[in-house]
Amino acid sequence: MRHLFVGVFFGALAIVVSTPAIAAEPVPPPLLLAERYRGDIDVSRYWVSEKLDGVRASWDGKDLRFRSGNLVRAPKWFLDALPRQPLDGELWLGRSSFDQLSAIVRRQSPDDAEWRRVRYMIFELPEALGSFTDRVEQIKATTAAANLPWLQAVDQFRVPDAAALQKKLRDIVRSGGEGLMLHRADAAYEAGRSSALLKLTPWLDAEATVVAHLPGKGKYTGMVGALRMESPDGRRFALGSGMTDAQRRNPPPLGTLVTYRYRELTQKGMPRFPRYLRVRDQL
């Protein structure tokens, strides 16, 4: 809304139109992003950890931010106690609890009781010197010194070979986990997508944009039967499997970025057996 100011200067009428400043878009913090594990590496050179199904959060020593750069509206007591050094990790409630967590951390007015359940699981120290092996020890020391129940180091371990890695993956998935992350032991810290960090899951995942709501039939009459999706390269496909009745009654709006899972790509490059996972975290 524009505001009109009228004033008199040396007998002349002056009219000044003031336009409110537009808030700057948040700047995403520079983070290390994973590539996908391909199976042709020496896994004994990597640290391994469980892939947590949480919300990525970056702490710069003063502010806690989502991947988008938006501030995390955590309670003052949660933030004030954090160490005054950069941290990178996941806000986490536990396995299979992403929807509950997302509801908690999205609120503009944080609920103290709910935030008491949230843990900040640290897996990196941005801009810290040394190898990742060095940083693993620094993370342990940092979280131990803070002595906070909600600040914890992600458990890092080693495996001797690919067979042991696959066994660990099966154990994690059977227990309700997402998969595994592999971080090369000798890697210096870097931001951006890098082969120094790999993710391993029993499925593939990708993102696409909702471009249409397809009407349901039979038991889904009156609801959305599937979402028409468009991948970044322009491929379009239907995504219905994995959606709950509540999501079919109130589907993601057009333009929403959605994460889905699939087994593999067909010869035509289409995802085989795509399954809705959730709205992409753009907090």
C-alpha atoms as a PDB file:
ATOM      1  CA  MET A   1       0.000   0.000   0.000  1.00  0.00           C
ATOM      2  CA  ARG A   2       1.355   3.434  -0.924  1.00  0.00           C
ATOM      3  CA  HIS A   3       1.266   6.358   1.506  1.00  0.00           C
ATOM      4  CA  LEU A   4       0.761   9.985   0.408  1.00  0.00           C
ATOM      5  CA  PHE A   5       2.617  12.733   2.245  1.00  0.00           C
ATOM      6  CA  VAL A   6       1.899  16.406   1.578  1.00  0.00           C
ATOM      7  CA  GLY A   7       4.197  19.190   2.753  1.00  0.00           C
ATOM      8  CA  VAL A   8       4.940  22.839   2.031  1.00  0.00           C
ATOM      9  CA  PHE A   9       8.497  23.867   1.195  1.00  0.00           C
ATOM     10  CA  PHE A  10       9.272  27.548   0.623  1.00  0.00           C
ATOM     11  CA  GLY A  11       5.661  28.253  -0.264  1.00  0.00           C
ATOM     12  CA  ALA A  12       5.384  25.383  -2.786  1.00  0.00           C
ATOM     13  CA  LEU A  13       3.242  22.326  -2.381  1.00  0.00           C
ATOM     14  CA  ALA A  14       5.273  19.098  -2.355  1.00  0.00           C
ATOM     15  CA  ILE A  15       3.722  15.681  -2.763  1.00  0.00           C
ATOM     16  CA  VAL A  16       5.813  12.638  -1.942  1.00  0.00           C
ATOM     17  CA  VAL A  17       4.654   9.114  -2.634  1.00  0.00           C
ATOM     18  CA  SER A  18       6.251   6.550  -0.320  1.00  0.00           C
ATOM     19  CA  THR A  19       6.342   2.890  -1.280  1.00  0.00           C
ATOM     20  CA  PRO A  20       7.035   0.415   1.559  1.00  0.00           C
ATOM     21  CA  ALA A  21      10.255  -1.541   1.171  1.00  0.00           C
ATOM     22  CA  ILE A  22       9.830  -5.086  -0.128  1.00  0.00           C
ATOM     23  CA  ALA A  23      11.261  -7.707   2.206  1.00  0.00           C
ATOM     24  CA  ALA A  24      14.295  -9.441   0.761  1.00  0.00           C
ATOM     25  CA  GLU A  25      13.963 -13.107  -0.159  1.00  0.00           C
ATOM     26  CA  PRO A  26      15.737 -15.427   2.288  1.00  0.00           C
ATOM     27  CA  VAL A  27      19.127 -16.649   1.154  1.00  0.00           C
ATOM     28  CA  PRO A  28      19.571 -20.443   1.412  1.00  0.00           C
ATOM     29  CA  PRO A  29      22.589 -21.328   3.541  1.00  0.00           C
ATOM     30  CA  PRO A  30      25.444 -23.066   1.690  1.00  0.00           C
ATOM     31  CA  LEU A  31      25.094 -26.728   2.664  1.00  0.00           C
ATOM     32  CA  LEU A  32      26.716 -30.003   1.706  1.00  0.00           C
ATOM     33  CA  LEU A  33      24.276 -32.071  -0.392  1.00  0.00           C
ATOM     34  CA  ALA A  34      24.468 -35.799  -1.088  1.00  0.00           C
ATOM     35  CA  GLU A  35      24.798 -37.729  -4.300  1.00  0.00           C
ATOM     36  CA  ARG A  36      23.387 -41.247  -4.641  1.00  0.00           C
ATOM     37  CA  TYR A  37      25.404 -44.331  -3.687  1.00  0.00           C
ATOM     38  CA  ARG A  38      26.274 -46.365  -6.799  1.00  0.00           C
ATOM     39  CA  GLY A  39      27.894 -49.463  -5.347  1.00  0.00           C
ATOM     40  CA  ASP A  40      31.314 -49.162  -6.983  1.00  0.00           C
ATOM     41  CA  ILE A  41      33.175 -47.555  -4.084  1.00  0.00           C
ATOM     42  CA  ASP A  42      35.348 -48.810  -1.252  1.00  0.00           C
ATOM     43  CA  VAL A  43      32.905 -48.383   1.649  1.00  0.00           C
ATOM     44  CA  SER A  44      35.655 -48.953   4.213  1.00  0.00           C
ATOM     45  CA  ARG A  45      36.818 -45.394   3.412  1.00  0.00           C
ATOM     46  CA  TYR A  46      33.508 -43.937   4.621  1.00  0.00           C
ATOM     47  CA  TRP A  47      31.757 -43.147   7.863  1.00  0.00           C
ATOM     48  CA  VAL A  48      28.162 -44.408   7.832  1.00  0.00           C
ATOM     49  CA  SER A  49      25.094 -43.110   9.658  1.00  0.00           C
ATOM     50  CA  GLU A  50      21.338 -43.586   9.571  1.00  0.00           C
ATOM     51  CA  LYS A  51      19.500 -41.312   7.139  1.00  0.00           C
ATOM     52  CA  LEU A  52      17.155 -39.390   9.419  1.00  0.00           C
ATOM     53  CA  ASP A  53      13.676 -38.501   8.181  1.00  0.00           C
ATOM     54  CA  GLY A  54      13.695 -35.036   9.697  1.00  0.00           C
ATOM     55  CA  VAL A  55      13.889 -31.377   8.700  1.00  0.00           C
ATOM     56  CA  ARG A  56      17.309 -30.031   7.724  1.00  0.00           C
ATOM     57  CA  ALA A  57      18.371 -27.070   9.848  1.00  0.00           C
ATOM     58  CA  SER A  58      21.525 -24.961   9.740  1.00  0.00           C
ATOM     59  CA  TRP A  59      22.789 -22.986  12.770  1.00  0.00           C
ATOM     60  CA  ASP A  60      25.236 -20.132  12.112  1.00  0.00           C
ATOM     61  CA  GLY A  61      25.916 -19.378  15.771  1.00  0.00           C
ATOM     62  CA  LYS A  62      23.036 -16.913  15.988  1.00  0.00           C
ATOM     63  CA  ASP A  63      20.107 -18.051  13.820  1.00  0.00           C
ATOM     64  CA  LEU A  64      18.621 -21.444  12.993  1.00  0.00           C
ATOM     65  CA  ARG A  65      17.454 -21.692   9.392  1.00  0.00           C
ATOM     66  CA  PHE A  66      15.715 -24.132   7.077  1.00  0.00           C
ATOM     67  CA  ARG A  67      17.291 -25.104   3.748  1.00  0.00           C
ATOM     68  CA  SER A  68      15.260 -22.287   2.175  1.00  0.00           C
ATOM     69  CA  GLY A  69      16.978 -19.711   4.376  1.00  0.00           C
ATOM     70  CA  ASN A  70      13.803 -18.998   6.361  1.00  0.00           C
ATOM     71  CA  LEU A  71      14.184 -18.769  10.111  1.00  0.00           C
ATOM     72  CA  VAL A  72      13.171 -21.692  12.298  1.00  0.00           C
ATOM     73  CA  ARG A  73      10.793 -20.261  14.899  1.00  0.00           C
ATOM     74  CA  ALA A  74      12.124 -22.361  17.745  1.00  0.00           C
ATOM     75  CA  PRO A  75      11.606 -21.337  21.399  1.00  0.00           C
ATOM     76  CA  LYS A  76      14.153 -18.902  22.843  1.00  0.00           C
ATOM     77  CA  TRP A  77      15.390 -21.475  25.373  1.00  0.00           C
ATOM     78  CA  PHE A  78      16.080 -23.935  22.539  1.00  0.00           C
ATOM     79  CA  LEU A  79      18.183 -21.433  20.583  1.00  0.00           C
ATOM     80  CA  ASP A  80      19.924 -19.573  23.421  1.00  0.00           C
ATOM     81  CA  ALA A  81      21.569 -22.746  24.711  1.00  0.00           C
ATOM     82  CA  LEU A  82      23.099 -23.796  21.376  1.00  0.00           C
ATOM     83  CA  PRO A  83      26.877 -23.430  20.921  1.00  0.00           C
ATOM     84  CA  ARG A  84      28.085 -20.231  19.228  1.00  0.00           C
ATOM     85  CA  GLN A  85      29.550 -22.090  16.269  1.00  0.00           C
ATOM     86  CA  PRO A  86      28.066 -23.248  12.954  1.00  0.00           C
ATOM     87  CA  LEU A  87      26.198 -26.563  13.074  1.00  0.00           C
ATOM     88  CA  ASP A  88      24.366 -28.606  10.456  1.00  0.00           C
ATOM     89  CA  GLY A  89      21.865 -31.333  11.197  1.00  0.00           C
ATOM     90  CA  GLU A  90      18.274 -32.514  11.300  1.00  0.00           C
ATOM     91  CA  LEU A  91      15.438 -31.517  13.556  1.00  0.00           C
ATOM     92  CA  TRP A  92      14.032 -34.933  14.438  1.00  0.00           C
ATOM     93  CA  LEU A  93      11.298 -36.583  16.488  1.00  0.00           C
ATOM     94  CA  GLY A  94      12.094 -40.194  15.633  1.00  0.00           C
ATOM     95  CA  ARG A  95      11.419 -42.694  12.878  1.00  0.00           C
ATOM     96  CA  SER A  96       8.166 -42.346  10.920  1.00  0.00           C
ATOM     97  CA  SER A  97       7.376 -39.002  12.593  1.00  0.00           C
ATOM     98  CA  PHE A  98       8.034 -36.507   9.820  1.00  0.00           C
ATOM     99  CA  ASP A  99       4.467 -35.174   9.571  1.00  0.00           C
ATOM    100  CA  GLN A 100       4.298 -34.511  13.323  1.00  0.00           C
ATOM    101  CA  LEU A 101       7.695 -32.815  13.237  1.00  0.00           C
ATOM    102  CA  SER A 102       6.803 -30.680  10.234  1.00  0.00           C
ATOM    103  CA  ALA A 103       3.663 -29.418  11.993  1.00  0.00           C
ATOM    104  CA  ILE A 104       5.700 -28.451  15.058  1.00  0.00           C
ATOM    105  CA  VAL A 105       8.514 -26.597  13.308  1.00  0.00           C
ATOM    106  CA  ARG A 106       6.255 -24.773  10.828  1.00  0.00           C
ATOM    107  CA  ARG A 107       4.368 -22.892  13.537  1.00  0.00           C
ATOM    108  CA  GLN A 108       5.191 -19.193  13.711  1.00  0.00           C
ATOM    109  CA  SER A 109       4.489 -19.239  17.458  1.00  0.00           C
ATOM    110  CA  PRO A 110       6.425 -22.208  18.866  1.00  0.00           C
ATOM    111  CA  ASP A 111       4.780 -24.515  21.372  1.00  0.00           C
ATOM    112  CA  ASP A 112       7.203 -25.164  24.248  1.00  0.00           C
ATOM    113  CA  ALA A 113       5.760 -28.558  25.165  1.00  0.00           C
ATOM    114  CA  GLU A 114       6.000 -29.805  21.576  1.00  0.00           C
ATOM    115  CA  TRP A 115       9.527 -28.476  21.095  1.00  0.00           C
ATOM    116  CA  ARG A 116      10.652 -30.393  24.203  1.00  0.00           C
ATOM    117  CA  ARG A 117      10.204 -33.513  22.044  1.00  0.00           C
ATOM    118  CA  VAL A 118      12.391 -32.230  19.198  1.00  0.00           C
ATOM    119  CA  ARG A 119      16.062 -33.129  18.942  1.00  0.00           C
ATOM    120  CA  TYR A 120      18.667 -31.333  16.857  1.00  0.00           C
ATOM    121  CA  MET A 121      20.817 -34.143  15.463  1.00  0.00           C
ATOM    122  CA  ILE A 122      24.212 -32.865  14.296  1.00  0.00           C
ATOM    123  CA  PHE A 123      26.064 -34.521  11.420  1.00  0.00           C
ATOM    124  CA  GLU A 124      28.344 -31.707  10.198  1.00  0.00           C
ATOM    125  CA  LEU A 125      30.318 -28.666  11.304  1.00  0.00           C
ATOM    126  CA  PRO A 126      30.211 -26.181   8.397  1.00  0.00           C
ATOM    127  CA  GLU A 127      33.559 -24.607   7.536  1.00  0.00           C
ATOM    128  CA  ALA A 128      35.406 -26.592  10.205  1.00  0.00           C
ATOM    129  CA  LEU A 129      38.963 -27.595   9.346  1.00  0.00           C
ATOM    130  CA  GLY A 130      40.327 -31.098   8.966  1.00  0.00           C
ATOM    131  CA  SER A 131      38.904 -34.318   7.570  1.00  0.00           C
ATOM    132  CA  PHE A 132      35.436 -35.641   8.288  1.00  0.00           C
ATOM    133  CA  THR A 133      37.045 -38.057  10.752  1.00  0.00           C
ATOM    134  CA  ASP A 134      38.369 -34.995  12.606  1.00  0.00           C
ATOM    135  CA  ARG A 135      34.948 -33.384  12.490  1.00  0.00           C
ATOM    136  CA  VAL A 136      33.247 -36.517  13.850  1.00  0.00           C
ATOM    137  CA  GLU A 137      35.339 -36.115  17.007  1.00  0.00           C
ATOM    138  CA  GLN A 138      34.651 -32.373  17.100  1.00  0.00           C
ATOM    139  CA  ILE A 139      30.907 -32.994  16.830  1.00  0.00           C
ATOM    140  CA  LYS A 140      31.048 -35.429  19.744  1.00  0.00           C
ATOM    141  CA  ALA A 141      33.051 -32.952  21.833  1.00  0.00           C
ATOM    142  CA  THR A 142      30.755 -30.038  20.946  1.00  0.00           C
ATOM    143  CA  THR A 143      27.516 -31.824  21.813  1.00  0.00           C
ATOM    144  CA  ALA A 144      28.998 -33.314  24.988  1.00  0.00           C
ATOM    145  CA  ALA A 145      30.201 -29.889  26.170  1.00  0.00           C
ATOM    146  CA  ALA A 146      26.784 -28.330  25.495  1.00  0.00           C
ATOM    147  CA  ASN A 147      25.152 -31.065  27.616  1.00  0.00           C
ATOM    148  CA  LEU A 148      21.683 -30.417  26.184  1.00  0.00           C
ATOM    149  CA  PRO A 149      19.078 -33.197  25.876  1.00  0.00           C
ATOM    150  CA  TRP A 150      17.896 -31.775  22.551  1.00  0.00           C
ATOM    151  CA  LEU A 151      21.381 -31.445  20.990  1.00  0.00           C
ATOM    152  CA  GLN A 152      22.881 -34.776  19.952  1.00  0.00           C
ATOM    153  CA  ALA A 153      25.539 -36.109  17.614  1.00  0.00           C
ATOM    154  CA  VAL A 154      24.364 -38.428  14.846  1.00  0.00           C
ATOM    155  CA  ASP A 155      25.912 -41.847  15.448  1.00  0.00           C
ATOM    156  CA  GLN A 156      28.701 -42.480  12.932  1.00  0.00           C
ATOM    157  CA  PHE A 157      30.150 -45.960  12.383  1.00  0.00           C
ATOM    158  CA  ARG A 158      32.325 -47.895   9.916  1.00  0.00           C
ATOM    159  CA  VAL A 159      31.655 -51.045   7.901  1.00  0.00           C
ATOM    160  CA  PRO A 160      34.324 -53.290   6.295  1.00  0.00           C
ATOM    161  CA  ASP A 161      32.682 -53.970   2.935  1.00  0.00           C
ATOM    162  CA  ALA A 162      29.595 -53.658   0.711  1.00  0.00           C
ATOM    163  CA  ALA A 163      28.003 -56.825   2.120  1.00  0.00           C
ATOM    164  CA  ALA A 164      28.139 -55.412   5.654  1.00  0.00           C
ATOM    165  CA  LEU A 165      26.734 -52.116   4.378  1.00  0.00           C
ATOM    166  CA  GLN A 166      23.755 -53.838   2.739  1.00  0.00           C
ATOM    167  CA  LYS A 167      23.081 -55.848   5.906  1.00  0.00           C
ATOM    168  CA  LYS A 168      23.058 -52.641   7.932  1.00  0.00           C
ATOM    169  CA  LEU A 169      20.679 -51.085   5.419  1.00  0.00           C
ATOM    170  CA  ARG A 170      18.262 -54.018   5.733  1.00  0.00           C
ATOM    171  CA  ASP A 171      18.373 -53.797   9.536  1.00  0.00           C
ATOM    172  CA  ILE A 172      17.684 -50.048   9.505  1.00  0.00           C
ATOM    173  CA  VAL A 173      14.791 -50.305   7.036  1.00  0.00           C
ATOM    174  CA  ARG A 174      13.191 -53.222   8.919  1.00  0.00           C
ATOM    175  CA  SER A 175      13.274 -51.044  12.038  1.00  0.00           C
ATOM    176  CA  GLY A 176      11.449 -48.204  10.291  1.00  0.00           C
ATOM    177  CA  GLY A 177      14.457 -46.177   9.174  1.00  0.00           C
ATOM    178  CA  GLU A 178      14.913 -44.385   5.854  1.00  0.00           C
ATOM    179  CA  GLY A 179      18.307 -45.645   4.789  1.00  0.00           C
ATOM    180  CA  LEU A 180      21.975 -44.779   5.224  1.00  0.00           C
ATOM    181  CA  MET A 181      24.340 -41.870   4.605  1.00  0.00           C
ATOM    182  CA  LEU A 182      28.001 -42.373   3.722  1.00  0.00           C
ATOM    183  CA  HIS A 183      30.560 -39.603   4.298  1.00  0.00           C
ATOM    184  CA  ARG A 184      34.105 -40.048   3.024  1.00  0.00           C
ATOM    185  CA  ALA A 185      36.434 -40.118   6.009  1.00  0.00           C
ATOM    186  CA  ASP A 186      39.193 -37.977   4.485  1.00  0.00           C
ATOM    187  CA  ALA A 187      36.901 -35.294   3.021  1.00  0.00           C
ATOM    188  CA  ALA A 188      37.414 -31.657   3.924  1.00  0.00           C
ATOM    189  CA  TYR A 189      34.240 -29.636   4.437  1.00  0.00           C
ATOM    190  CA  GLU A 190      32.614 -28.307   1.274  1.00  0.00           C
ATOM    191  CA  ALA A 191      29.238 -26.897   0.313  1.00  0.00           C
ATOM    192  CA  GLY A 192      27.124 -27.957  -2.659  1.00  0.00           C
ATOM    193  CA  ARG A 193      26.392 -31.394  -4.088  1.00  0.00           C
ATOM    194  CA  SER A 194      29.367 -33.686  -3.677  1.00  0.00           C
ATOM    195  CA  SER A 195      30.372 -37.328  -3.988  1.00  0.00           C
ATOM    196  CA  ALA A 196      31.995 -36.953  -0.552  1.00  0.00           C
ATOM    197  CA  LEU A 197      28.475 -37.523   0.823  1.00  0.00           C
ATOM    198  CA  LEU A 198      26.290 -40.357  -0.475  1.00  0.00           C
ATOM    199  CA  LYS A 199      22.793 -41.568   0.355  1.00  0.00           C
ATOM    200  CA  LEU A 200      21.710 -45.177   0.178  1.00  0.00           C
ATOM    201  CA  THR A 201      18.041 -46.190   0.312  1.00  0.00           C
ATOM    202  CA  PRO A 202      16.122 -49.239  -0.979  1.00  0.00           C
ATOM    203  CA  TRP A 203      14.272 -46.948  -3.403  1.00  0.00           C
ATOM    204  CA  LEU A 204      14.942 -43.934  -5.590  1.00  0.00           C
ATOM    205  CA  ASP A 205      13.379 -40.557  -4.900  1.00  0.00           C
ATOM    206  CA  ALA A 206      12.861 -37.408  -6.907  1.00  0.00           C
ATOM    207  CA  GLU A 207      10.778 -34.249  -7.001  1.00  0.00           C
ATOM    208  CA  ALA A 208       8.151 -33.000  -9.411  1.00  0.00           C
ATOM    209  CA  THR A 209       5.564 -30.223  -9.561  1.00  0.00           C
ATOM    210  CA  VAL A 210       1.786 -30.699  -9.299  1.00  0.00           C
ATOM    211  CA  VAL A 211       0.225 -29.424 -12.544  1.00  0.00           C
ATOM    212  CA  ALA A 212      -3.299 -30.925 -12.308  1.00  0.00           C
ATOM    213  CA  HIS A 213      -5.678 -32.825 -10.025  1.00  0.00           C
ATOM    214  CA  LEU A 214      -7.148 -35.914 -11.686  1.00  0.00           C
ATOM    215  CA  PRO A 215     -10.641 -36.875 -10.471  1.00  0.00           C
ATOM    216  CA  GLY A 216     -11.068 -40.090  -8.528  1.00  0.00           C
ATOM    217  CA  LYS A 217     -13.303 -43.009  -9.437  1.00  0.00           C
ATOM    218  CA  GLY A 218     -15.029 -45.715  -7.412  1.00  0.00           C
ATOM    219  CA  LYS A 219     -14.194 -45.314  -3.721  1.00  0.00           C
ATOM    220  CA  TYR A 220     -12.335 -42.103  -4.560  1.00  0.00           C
ATOM    221  CA  THR A 221     -15.313 -40.443  -6.270  1.00  0.00           C
ATOM    222  CA  GLY A 222     -15.479 -36.819  -5.150  1.00  0.00           C
ATOM    223  CA  MET A 223     -11.800 -36.842  -4.245  1.00  0.00           C
ATOM    224  CA  VAL A 224      -8.552 -36.613  -6.166  1.00  0.00           C
ATOM    225  CA  GLY A 225      -7.646 -39.905  -7.771  1.00  0.00           C
ATOM    226  CA  ALA A 226      -4.122 -38.873  -8.711  1.00  0.00           C
ATOM    227  CA  LEU A 227      -1.863 -35.870  -9.159  1.00  0.00           C
ATOM    228  CA  ARG A 228      -0.616 -34.966 -12.605  1.00  0.00           C
ATOM    229  CA  MET A 229       3.083 -34.301 -12.083  1.00  0.00           C
ATOM    230  CA  GLU A 230       5.744 -32.595 -14.174  1.00  0.00           C
ATOM    231  CA  SER A 231       9.419 -33.355 -13.633  1.00  0.00           C
ATOM    232  CA  PRO A 232      12.097 -30.636 -14.051  1.00  0.00           C
ATOM    233  CA  ASP A 233      12.852 -31.919 -17.567  1.00  0.00           C
ATOM    234  CA  GLY A 234       9.195 -31.701 -18.637  1.00  0.00           C
ATOM    235  CA  ARG A 235       8.121 -35.355 -18.339  1.00  0.00           C
ATOM    236  CA  ARG A 236       4.556 -35.773 -17.062  1.00  0.00           C
ATOM    237  CA  PHE A 237       3.092 -38.722 -15.154  1.00  0.00           C
ATOM    238  CA  ALA A 238       0.268 -39.564 -12.744  1.00  0.00           C
ATOM    239  CA  LEU A 239       0.987 -39.966  -9.038  1.00  0.00           C
ATOM    240  CA  GLY A 240      -1.744 -41.520  -6.883  1.00  0.00           C
ATOM    241  CA  SER A 241      -0.261 -44.401  -4.933  1.00  0.00           C
ATOM    242  CA  GLY A 242       0.705 -43.497  -1.388  1.00  0.00           C
ATOM    243  CA  MET A 243      -1.838 -40.707  -0.895  1.00  0.00           C
ATOM    244  CA  THR A 244      -4.140 -40.935   2.124  1.00  0.00           C
ATOM    245  CA  ASP A 245      -7.868 -40.203   1.941  1.00  0.00           C
ATOM    246  CA  ALA A 246      -7.216 -36.924   3.783  1.00  0.00           C
ATOM    247  CA  GLN A 247      -4.642 -35.909   1.153  1.00  0.00           C
ATOM    248  CA  ARG A 248      -7.059 -36.860  -1.626  1.00  0.00           C
ATOM    249  CA  ARG A 249      -9.731 -34.636  -0.081  1.00  0.00           C
ATOM    250  CA  ASN A 250      -7.249 -31.779   0.387  1.00  0.00           C
ATOM    251  CA  PRO A 251      -4.529 -32.337  -2.227  1.00  0.00           C
ATOM    252  CA  PRO A 252      -1.370 -30.231  -2.626  1.00  0.00           C
ATOM    253  CA  PRO A 253      -2.216 -27.088  -4.643  1.00  0.00           C
ATOM    254  CA  LEU A 254      -1.097 -26.679  -8.235  1.00  0.00           C
ATOM    255  CA  GLY A 255       2.499 -25.546  -8.331  1.00  0.00           C
ATOM    256  CA  THR A 256       3.473 -27.494  -5.223  1.00  0.00           C
ATOM    257  CA  LEU A 257       6.781 -29.365  -5.291  1.00  0.00           C
ATOM    258  CA  VAL A 258       6.255 -32.972  -4.203  1.00  0.00           C
ATOM    259  CA  THR A 259       8.756 -35.695  -3.298  1.00  0.00           C
ATOM    260  CA  TYR A 260       7.933 -39.174  -4.609  1.00  0.00           C
ATOM    261  CA  ARG A 261       9.617 -42.569  -4.581  1.00  0.00           C
ATOM    262  CA  TYR A 262       9.993 -45.090  -7.380  1.00  0.00           C
ATOM    263  CA  ARG A 263      11.770 -48.345  -8.168  1.00  0.00           C
ATOM    264  CA  GLU A 264      13.542 -47.422 -11.414  1.00  0.00           C
ATOM    265  CA  LEU A 265      13.073 -45.547 -14.672  1.00  0.00           C
ATOM    266  CA  THR A 266      11.458 -47.172 -17.701  1.00  0.00           C
ATOM    267  CA  GLN A 267      13.152 -47.155 -21.107  1.00  0.00           C
ATOM    268  CA  LYS A 268      11.199 -43.978 -21.830  1.00  0.00           C
ATOM    269  CA  GLY A 269      12.568 -42.350 -18.689  1.00  0.00           C
ATOM    270  CA  MET A 270       9.331 -42.524 -16.688  1.00  0.00           C
ATOM    271  CA  PRO A 271       9.359 -43.493 -12.991  1.00  0.00           C
ATOM    272  CA  ARG A 272       8.202 -47.089 -12.452  1.00  0.00           C
ATOM    273  CA  PHE A 273       5.730 -47.576  -9.565  1.00  0.00           C
ATOM    274  CA  PRO A 274       5.901 -43.952  -8.335  1.00  0.00           C
ATOM    275  CA  ARG A 275       4.581 -43.453  -4.810  1.00  0.00           C
ATOM    276  CA  TYR A 276       3.658 -40.158  -3.157  1.00  0.00           C
ATOM    277  CA  LEU A 277       5.887 -39.357  -0.182  1.00  0.00           C
ATOM    278  CA  ARG A 278       5.188 -35.791   0.912  1.00  0.00           C
ATOM    279  CA  VAL A 279       5.204 -32.148  -0.027  1.00  0.00           C
ATOM    280  CA  ARG A 280       8.819 -31.107  -0.547  1.00  0.00           C
ATOM    281  CA  ASP A 281      10.237 -29.375   2.491  1.00  0.00           C
ATOM    282  CA  GLN A 282      10.421 -25.707   1.471  1.00  0.00           C
ATOM    283  CA  LEU A 283      10.173 -24.200   4.928  1.00  0.00           C
END
